[in-house]
């Protein structure tokens, strides 16, 4: 949509797109007096018009109506997933939050709600994630994205540092899980004590 004043210069403000008397969407005009709106219209005939709200130097106005025929979408119902932020860097012991957005694709082809269960895989050892909500319900004809909050929790490394001073020398030993690691550590202490 483009709105210009009688002087030919771009107008500022907002426009509302309607299908006969039913408002579908609104948008703010950019510096060039233009606004773009993407619609997912139900199949059938529509009579669209744009109404300019007006601003301090321009009066409100309405465009002529334009007839549009929307085809039915016959695609297979699906969804797209995006995350914000797209990347998250955590060190051991930290937790972080990501917003997952699930956007319906061809939901007009649904005859009943579609459920999407969210989960994580490939996380480092002793890390976990959870979603709230964990299951998303997509209704027939839905177009808006549905969000879920993902919380990722990492654990501190399961190691301990042990220092033994002898004069100016400091020896560090890493406690490894299992009997072998403990035996190696005990051998280090026995050698240092002797």
C-alpha atoms as a PDB file:
ATOM      1  CA  UNK A   1       0.000   0.000   0.000  1.00  0.00           C
ATOM      2  CA  UNK A   2       1.254   3.476  -0.832  1.00  0.00           C
ATOM      3  CA  UNK A   3      -0.167   6.738   0.501  1.00  0.00           C
ATOM      4  CA  UNK A   4       0.778  10.140  -0.927  1.00  0.00           C
ATOM      5  CA  UNK A   5      -0.553  13.617  -0.165  1.00  0.00           C
ATOM      6  CA  UNK A   6      -2.123  15.963  -2.705  1.00  0.00           C
ATOM      7  CA  UNK A   7       1.339  17.502  -3.051  1.00  0.00           C
ATOM      8  CA  UNK A   8       2.686  14.121  -4.216  1.00  0.00           C
ATOM      9  CA  UNK A   9       4.897  13.661  -1.135  1.00  0.00           C
ATOM     10  CA  UNK A  10       4.763  10.469   0.975  1.00  0.00           C
ATOM     11  CA  UNK A  11       2.372  10.518   3.915  1.00  0.00           C
ATOM     12  CA  UNK A  12       3.134   9.299   7.436  1.00  0.00           C
ATOM     13  CA  UNK A  13       0.853   7.419   9.800  1.00  0.00           C
ATOM     14  CA  UNK A  14      -0.971   4.117   9.579  1.00  0.00           C
ATOM     15  CA  UNK A  15      -3.205   2.228   7.163  1.00  0.00           C
ATOM     16  CA  UNK A  16      -5.780  -0.477   7.826  1.00  0.00           C
ATOM     17  CA  UNK A  17      -6.623  -3.166   5.274  1.00  0.00           C
ATOM     18  CA  UNK A  18     -10.231  -4.414   5.329  1.00  0.00           C
ATOM     19  CA  UNK A  19     -12.263  -7.101   3.585  1.00  0.00           C
ATOM     20  CA  UNK A  20     -15.554  -5.237   3.079  1.00  0.00           C
ATOM     21  CA  UNK A  21     -16.281  -4.003   6.637  1.00  0.00           C
ATOM     22  CA  UNK A  22     -14.050  -6.523   8.456  1.00  0.00           C
ATOM     23  CA  UNK A  23     -10.583  -5.181   9.390  1.00  0.00           C
ATOM     24  CA  UNK A  24      -7.822  -7.672   8.497  1.00  0.00           C
ATOM     25  CA  UNK A  25      -4.537  -5.952   9.362  1.00  0.00           C
ATOM     26  CA  UNK A  26      -2.910  -2.631  10.056  1.00  0.00           C
ATOM     27  CA  UNK A  27       0.561  -1.294   9.349  1.00  0.00           C
ATOM     28  CA  UNK A  28       2.639   1.848   9.816  1.00  0.00           C
ATOM     29  CA  UNK A  29       3.799   3.672   6.700  1.00  0.00           C
ATOM     30  CA  UNK A  30       7.563   3.929   6.188  1.00  0.00           C
ATOM     31  CA  UNK A  31       9.416   7.110   5.134  1.00  0.00           C
ATOM     32  CA  UNK A  32       8.388   6.502   1.499  1.00  0.00           C
ATOM     33  CA  UNK A  33       4.704   6.343   2.500  1.00  0.00           C
ATOM     34  CA  UNK A  34       4.516   2.578   1.908  1.00  0.00           C
ATOM     35  CA  UNK A  35       3.381  -0.371   4.013  1.00  0.00           C
ATOM     36  CA  UNK A  36       3.377  -4.080   3.240  1.00  0.00           C
ATOM     37  CA  UNK A  37       0.907  -6.539   4.746  1.00  0.00           C
ATOM     38  CA  UNK A  38       0.957 -10.293   4.110  1.00  0.00           C
ATOM     39  CA  UNK A  39      -2.420 -12.011   4.429  1.00  0.00           C
ATOM     40  CA  UNK A  40      -3.567 -15.603   4.534  1.00  0.00           C
ATOM     41  CA  UNK A  41      -7.096 -15.231   3.192  1.00  0.00           C
ATOM     42  CA  UNK A  42      -9.633 -18.053   3.311  1.00  0.00           C
ATOM     43  CA  UNK A  43     -10.500 -19.494  -0.087  1.00  0.00           C
ATOM     44  CA  UNK A  44     -13.090 -17.513  -2.022  1.00  0.00           C
ATOM     45  CA  UNK A  45     -13.853 -13.977  -3.194  1.00  0.00           C
ATOM     46  CA  UNK A  46     -12.829 -10.933  -1.166  1.00  0.00           C
ATOM     47  CA  UNK A  47     -13.339  -7.179  -1.591  1.00  0.00           C
ATOM     48  CA  UNK A  48     -10.263  -5.409  -0.147  1.00  0.00           C
ATOM     49  CA  UNK A  49      -9.772  -1.726   0.614  1.00  0.00           C
ATOM     50  CA  UNK A  50      -7.143   0.313   2.472  1.00  0.00           C
ATOM     51  CA  UNK A  51      -8.029   3.110   4.881  1.00  0.00           C
ATOM     52  CA  UNK A  52      -5.466   5.782   5.737  1.00  0.00           C
ATOM     53  CA  UNK A  53      -5.911   7.036   9.305  1.00  0.00           C
ATOM     54  CA  UNK A  54      -4.394  10.481   8.633  1.00  0.00           C
ATOM     55  CA  UNK A  55      -1.703  12.499  10.414  1.00  0.00           C
ATOM     56  CA  UNK A  56      -1.054  16.109  11.479  1.00  0.00           C
ATOM     57  CA  UNK A  57      -0.807  17.342   7.851  1.00  0.00           C
ATOM     58  CA  UNK A  58      -2.976  14.824   5.942  1.00  0.00           C
ATOM     59  CA  UNK A  59      -6.670  13.949   6.188  1.00  0.00           C
ATOM     60  CA  UNK A  60      -7.938  10.382   6.443  1.00  0.00           C
ATOM     61  CA  UNK A  61      -8.877   8.677   3.176  1.00  0.00           C
ATOM     62  CA  UNK A  62     -10.028   5.310   1.843  1.00  0.00           C
ATOM     63  CA  UNK A  63      -8.953   3.563  -1.344  1.00  0.00           C
ATOM     64  CA  UNK A  64     -11.247   2.114  -3.953  1.00  0.00           C
ATOM     65  CA  UNK A  65     -12.145  -1.535  -3.321  1.00  0.00           C
ATOM     66  CA  UNK A  66     -10.330  -4.259  -5.227  1.00  0.00           C
ATOM     67  CA  UNK A  67     -11.726  -7.736  -5.825  1.00  0.00           C
ATOM     68  CA  UNK A  68      -9.446 -10.660  -4.964  1.00  0.00           C
ATOM     69  CA  UNK A  69     -10.048 -14.393  -5.363  1.00  0.00           C
ATOM     70  CA  UNK A  70      -8.060 -16.538  -2.934  1.00  0.00           C
ATOM     71  CA  UNK A  71      -7.302 -20.118  -3.916  1.00  0.00           C
ATOM     72  CA  UNK A  72      -7.545 -22.854  -1.320  1.00  0.00           C
ATOM     73  CA  UNK A  73      -4.230 -24.141  -0.029  1.00  0.00           C
ATOM     74  CA  UNK A  74      -3.996 -27.835  -0.679  1.00  0.00           C
ATOM     75  CA  UNK A  75      -0.582 -28.358   0.858  1.00  0.00           C
ATOM     76  CA  UNK A  76       0.126 -30.861   3.595  1.00  0.00           C
ATOM     77  CA  UNK A  77      -0.262 -29.323   7.058  1.00  0.00           C
ATOM     78  CA  UNK A  78       3.122 -28.695   8.606  1.00  0.00           C
ATOM     79  CA  UNK A  79       4.986 -26.216  10.803  1.00  0.00           C
ATOM     80  CA  UNK A  80       8.264 -24.293  10.921  1.00  0.00           C
ATOM     81  CA  UNK A  81      10.397 -23.824  14.040  1.00  0.00           C
ATOM     82  CA  UNK A  82      12.615 -20.844  14.797  1.00  0.00           C
ATOM     83  CA  UNK A  83      14.516 -19.874  17.943  1.00  0.00           C
ATOM     84  CA  UNK A  84      15.426 -16.580  19.533  1.00  0.00           C
ATOM     85  CA  UNK A  85      18.245 -16.125  20.203  1.00  0.00           C
ATOM     86  CA  UNK A  86      19.457 -18.348  17.367  1.00  0.00           C
ATOM     87  CA  UNK A  87      22.615 -19.271  19.312  1.00  0.00           C
ATOM     88  CA  UNK A  88      23.277 -19.538  23.034  1.00  0.00           C
ATOM     89  CA  UNK A  89      26.693 -20.031  24.650  1.00  0.00           C
ATOM     90  CA  UNK A  90      26.763 -21.391  28.203  1.00  0.00           C
ATOM     91  CA  UNK A  91      29.623 -22.452  30.426  1.00  0.00           C
ATOM     92  CA  UNK A  92      29.350 -25.338  32.882  1.00  0.00           C
ATOM     93  CA  UNK A  93      26.995 -24.442  35.724  1.00  0.00           C
ATOM     94  CA  UNK A  94      25.036 -21.812  33.776  1.00  0.00           C
ATOM     95  CA  UNK A  95      21.466 -21.935  32.492  1.00  0.00           C
ATOM     96  CA  UNK A  96      19.859 -20.071  29.612  1.00  0.00           C
ATOM     97  CA  UNK A  97      16.476 -19.381  28.055  1.00  0.00           C
ATOM     98  CA  UNK A  98      15.453 -19.576  24.396  1.00  0.00           C
ATOM     99  CA  UNK A  99      12.055 -18.750  22.889  1.00  0.00           C
ATOM    100  CA  UNK A 100      10.954 -21.324  20.317  1.00  0.00           C
ATOM    101  CA  UNK A 101       8.365 -20.131  17.760  1.00  0.00           C
ATOM    102  CA  UNK A 102       6.238 -22.706  15.949  1.00  0.00           C
ATOM    103  CA  UNK A 103       4.580 -21.247  12.835  1.00  0.00           C
ATOM    104  CA  UNK A 104       1.770 -23.210  11.133  1.00  0.00           C
ATOM    105  CA  UNK A 105       2.147 -24.030   7.434  1.00  0.00           C
ATOM    106  CA  UNK A 106      -0.967 -24.957   5.421  1.00  0.00           C
ATOM    107  CA  UNK A 107      -3.080 -25.105   8.595  1.00  0.00           C
ATOM    108  CA  UNK A 108      -6.103 -24.438   6.366  1.00  0.00           C
ATOM    109  CA  UNK A 109      -5.797 -28.076   5.288  1.00  0.00           C
ATOM    110  CA  UNK A 110      -6.290 -29.289   8.873  1.00  0.00           C
ATOM    111  CA  UNK A 111      -9.608 -30.896   9.784  1.00  0.00           C
ATOM    112  CA  UNK A 112      -8.699 -31.206  13.485  1.00  0.00           C
ATOM    113  CA  UNK A 113      -6.047 -29.661  15.755  1.00  0.00           C
ATOM    114  CA  UNK A 114      -2.427 -30.729  15.184  1.00  0.00           C
ATOM    115  CA  UNK A 115      -0.205 -31.257  18.236  1.00  0.00           C
ATOM    116  CA  UNK A 116       3.552 -30.655  18.248  1.00  0.00           C
ATOM    117  CA  UNK A 117       5.607 -32.051  21.146  1.00  0.00           C
ATOM    118  CA  UNK A 118       8.899 -30.263  21.789  1.00  0.00           C
ATOM    119  CA  UNK A 119      12.052 -31.958  23.096  1.00  0.00           C
ATOM    120  CA  UNK A 120      15.849 -31.648  23.034  1.00  0.00           C
ATOM    121  CA  UNK A 121      18.578 -34.019  21.915  1.00  0.00           C
ATOM    122  CA  UNK A 122      22.357 -33.908  21.541  1.00  0.00           C
ATOM    123  CA  UNK A 123      22.974 -31.967  24.749  1.00  0.00           C
ATOM    124  CA  UNK A 124      26.291 -32.354  26.606  1.00  0.00           C
ATOM    125  CA  UNK A 125      26.426 -34.867  29.485  1.00  0.00           C
ATOM    126  CA  UNK A 126      24.631 -33.795  32.665  1.00  0.00           C
ATOM    127  CA  UNK A 127      22.759 -31.029  30.832  1.00  0.00           C
ATOM    128  CA  UNK A 128      19.009 -30.855  30.432  1.00  0.00           C
ATOM    129  CA  UNK A 129      16.320 -28.798  28.802  1.00  0.00           C
ATOM    130  CA  UNK A 130      12.611 -28.310  29.334  1.00  0.00           C
ATOM    131  CA  UNK A 131       9.860 -26.548  27.376  1.00  0.00           C
ATOM    132  CA  UNK A 132       6.917 -24.559  28.729  1.00  0.00           C
ATOM    133  CA  UNK A 133       4.522 -25.529  27.268  1.00  0.00           C
ATOM    134  CA  UNK A 134       5.948 -28.872  26.126  1.00  0.00           C
ATOM    135  CA  UNK A 135       3.141 -29.531  23.616  1.00  0.00           C
ATOM    136  CA  UNK A 136       1.827 -26.956  21.136  1.00  0.00           C
ATOM    137  CA  UNK A 137      -1.672 -27.147  19.675  1.00  0.00           C
ATOM    138  CA  UNK A 138      -2.167 -25.792  16.141  1.00  0.00           C
ATOM    139  CA  UNK A 139      -5.787 -25.118  15.266  1.00  0.00           C
ATOM    140  CA  UNK A 140      -7.217 -25.411  11.731  1.00  0.00           C
ATOM    141  CA  UNK A 141      -6.752 -22.154   9.755  1.00  0.00           C
ATOM    142  CA  UNK A 142      -4.151 -20.865  12.257  1.00  0.00           C
ATOM    143  CA  UNK A 143      -1.499 -18.547  10.835  1.00  0.00           C
ATOM    144  CA  UNK A 144       0.118 -16.929  13.882  1.00  0.00           C
ATOM    145  CA  UNK A 145       3.260 -18.315  15.479  1.00  0.00           C
ATOM    146  CA  UNK A 146       2.903 -20.028  18.863  1.00  0.00           C
ATOM    147  CA  UNK A 147       5.777 -19.709  21.331  1.00  0.00           C
ATOM    148  CA  UNK A 148       7.268 -21.989  23.952  1.00  0.00           C
ATOM    149  CA  UNK A 149      10.042 -21.144  26.409  1.00  0.00           C
ATOM    150  CA  UNK A 150      12.990 -23.544  26.485  1.00  0.00           C
ATOM    151  CA  UNK A 151      15.253 -23.540  29.554  1.00  0.00           C
ATOM    152  CA  UNK A 152      18.673 -25.203  29.207  1.00  0.00           C
ATOM    153  CA  UNK A 153      20.515 -26.135  32.411  1.00  0.00           C
ATOM    154  CA  UNK A 154      24.166 -27.199  32.522  1.00  0.00           C
ATOM    155  CA  UNK A 155      25.986 -28.760  35.480  1.00  0.00           C
ATOM    156  CA  UNK A 156      29.394 -27.950  36.874  1.00  0.00           C
ATOM    157  CA  UNK A 157      32.050 -30.459  35.788  1.00  0.00           C
ATOM    158  CA  UNK A 158      32.306 -33.385  38.237  1.00  0.00           C
ATOM    159  CA  UNK A 159      35.968 -32.905  38.941  1.00  0.00           C
ATOM    160  CA  UNK A 160      37.905 -31.644  41.941  1.00  0.00           C
ATOM    161  CA  UNK A 161      41.291 -30.087  42.144  1.00  0.00           C
ATOM    162  CA  UNK A 162      43.588 -31.191  44.911  1.00  0.00           C
ATOM    163  CA  UNK A 163      46.773 -29.302  45.629  1.00  0.00           C
ATOM    164  CA  UNK A 164      49.766 -30.500  47.548  1.00  0.00           C
ATOM    165  CA  UNK A 165      52.553 -28.104  48.275  1.00  0.00           C
ATOM    166  CA  UNK A 166      56.147 -29.256  48.657  1.00  0.00           C
ATOM    167  CA  UNK A 167      58.432 -26.263  48.968  1.00  0.00           C
ATOM    168  CA  UNK A 168      57.616 -24.060  45.962  1.00  0.00           C
ATOM    169  CA  UNK A 169      56.117 -26.922  43.899  1.00  0.00           C
ATOM    170  CA  UNK A 170      52.355 -27.327  43.553  1.00  0.00           C
ATOM    171  CA  UNK A 171      50.938 -30.622  42.254  1.00  0.00           C
ATOM    172  CA  UNK A 172      47.373 -30.766  40.853  1.00  0.00           C
ATOM    173  CA  UNK A 173      45.398 -33.984  40.558  1.00  0.00           C
ATOM    174  CA  UNK A 174      42.094 -34.431  38.726  1.00  0.00           C
ATOM    175  CA  UNK A 175      39.552 -36.660  40.447  1.00  0.00           C
ATOM    176  CA  UNK A 176      38.229 -38.984  37.759  1.00  0.00           C
ATOM    177  CA  UNK A 177      35.017 -40.973  38.222  1.00  0.00           C
ATOM    178  CA  UNK A 178      35.361 -44.658  38.967  1.00  0.00           C
ATOM    179  CA  UNK A 179      37.706 -46.902  40.947  1.00  0.00           C
ATOM    180  CA  UNK A 180      40.609 -46.483  38.500  1.00  0.00           C
ATOM    181  CA  UNK A 181      40.628 -42.707  38.936  1.00  0.00           C
ATOM    182  CA  UNK A 182      40.527 -42.991  42.730  1.00  0.00           C
ATOM    183  CA  UNK A 183      43.376 -45.537  42.730  1.00  0.00           C
ATOM    184  CA  UNK A 184      45.502 -43.219  40.564  1.00  0.00           C
ATOM    185  CA  UNK A 185      44.771 -40.328  42.906  1.00  0.00           C
ATOM    186  CA  UNK A 186      45.610 -42.381  46.028  1.00  0.00           C
ATOM    187  CA  UNK A 187      48.883 -43.438  44.375  1.00  0.00           C
ATOM    188  CA  UNK A 188      49.712 -39.748  43.809  1.00  0.00           C
ATOM    189  CA  UNK A 189      49.055 -38.935  47.482  1.00  0.00           C
ATOM    190  CA  UNK A 190      51.138 -41.930  48.636  1.00  0.00           C
ATOM    191  CA  UNK A 191      54.058 -40.838  46.426  1.00  0.00           C
ATOM    192  CA  UNK A 192      53.784 -37.243  47.670  1.00  0.00           C
ATOM    193  CA  UNK A 193      53.633 -38.287  51.347  1.00  0.00           C
ATOM    194  CA  UNK A 194      56.636 -40.641  51.061  1.00  0.00           C
END
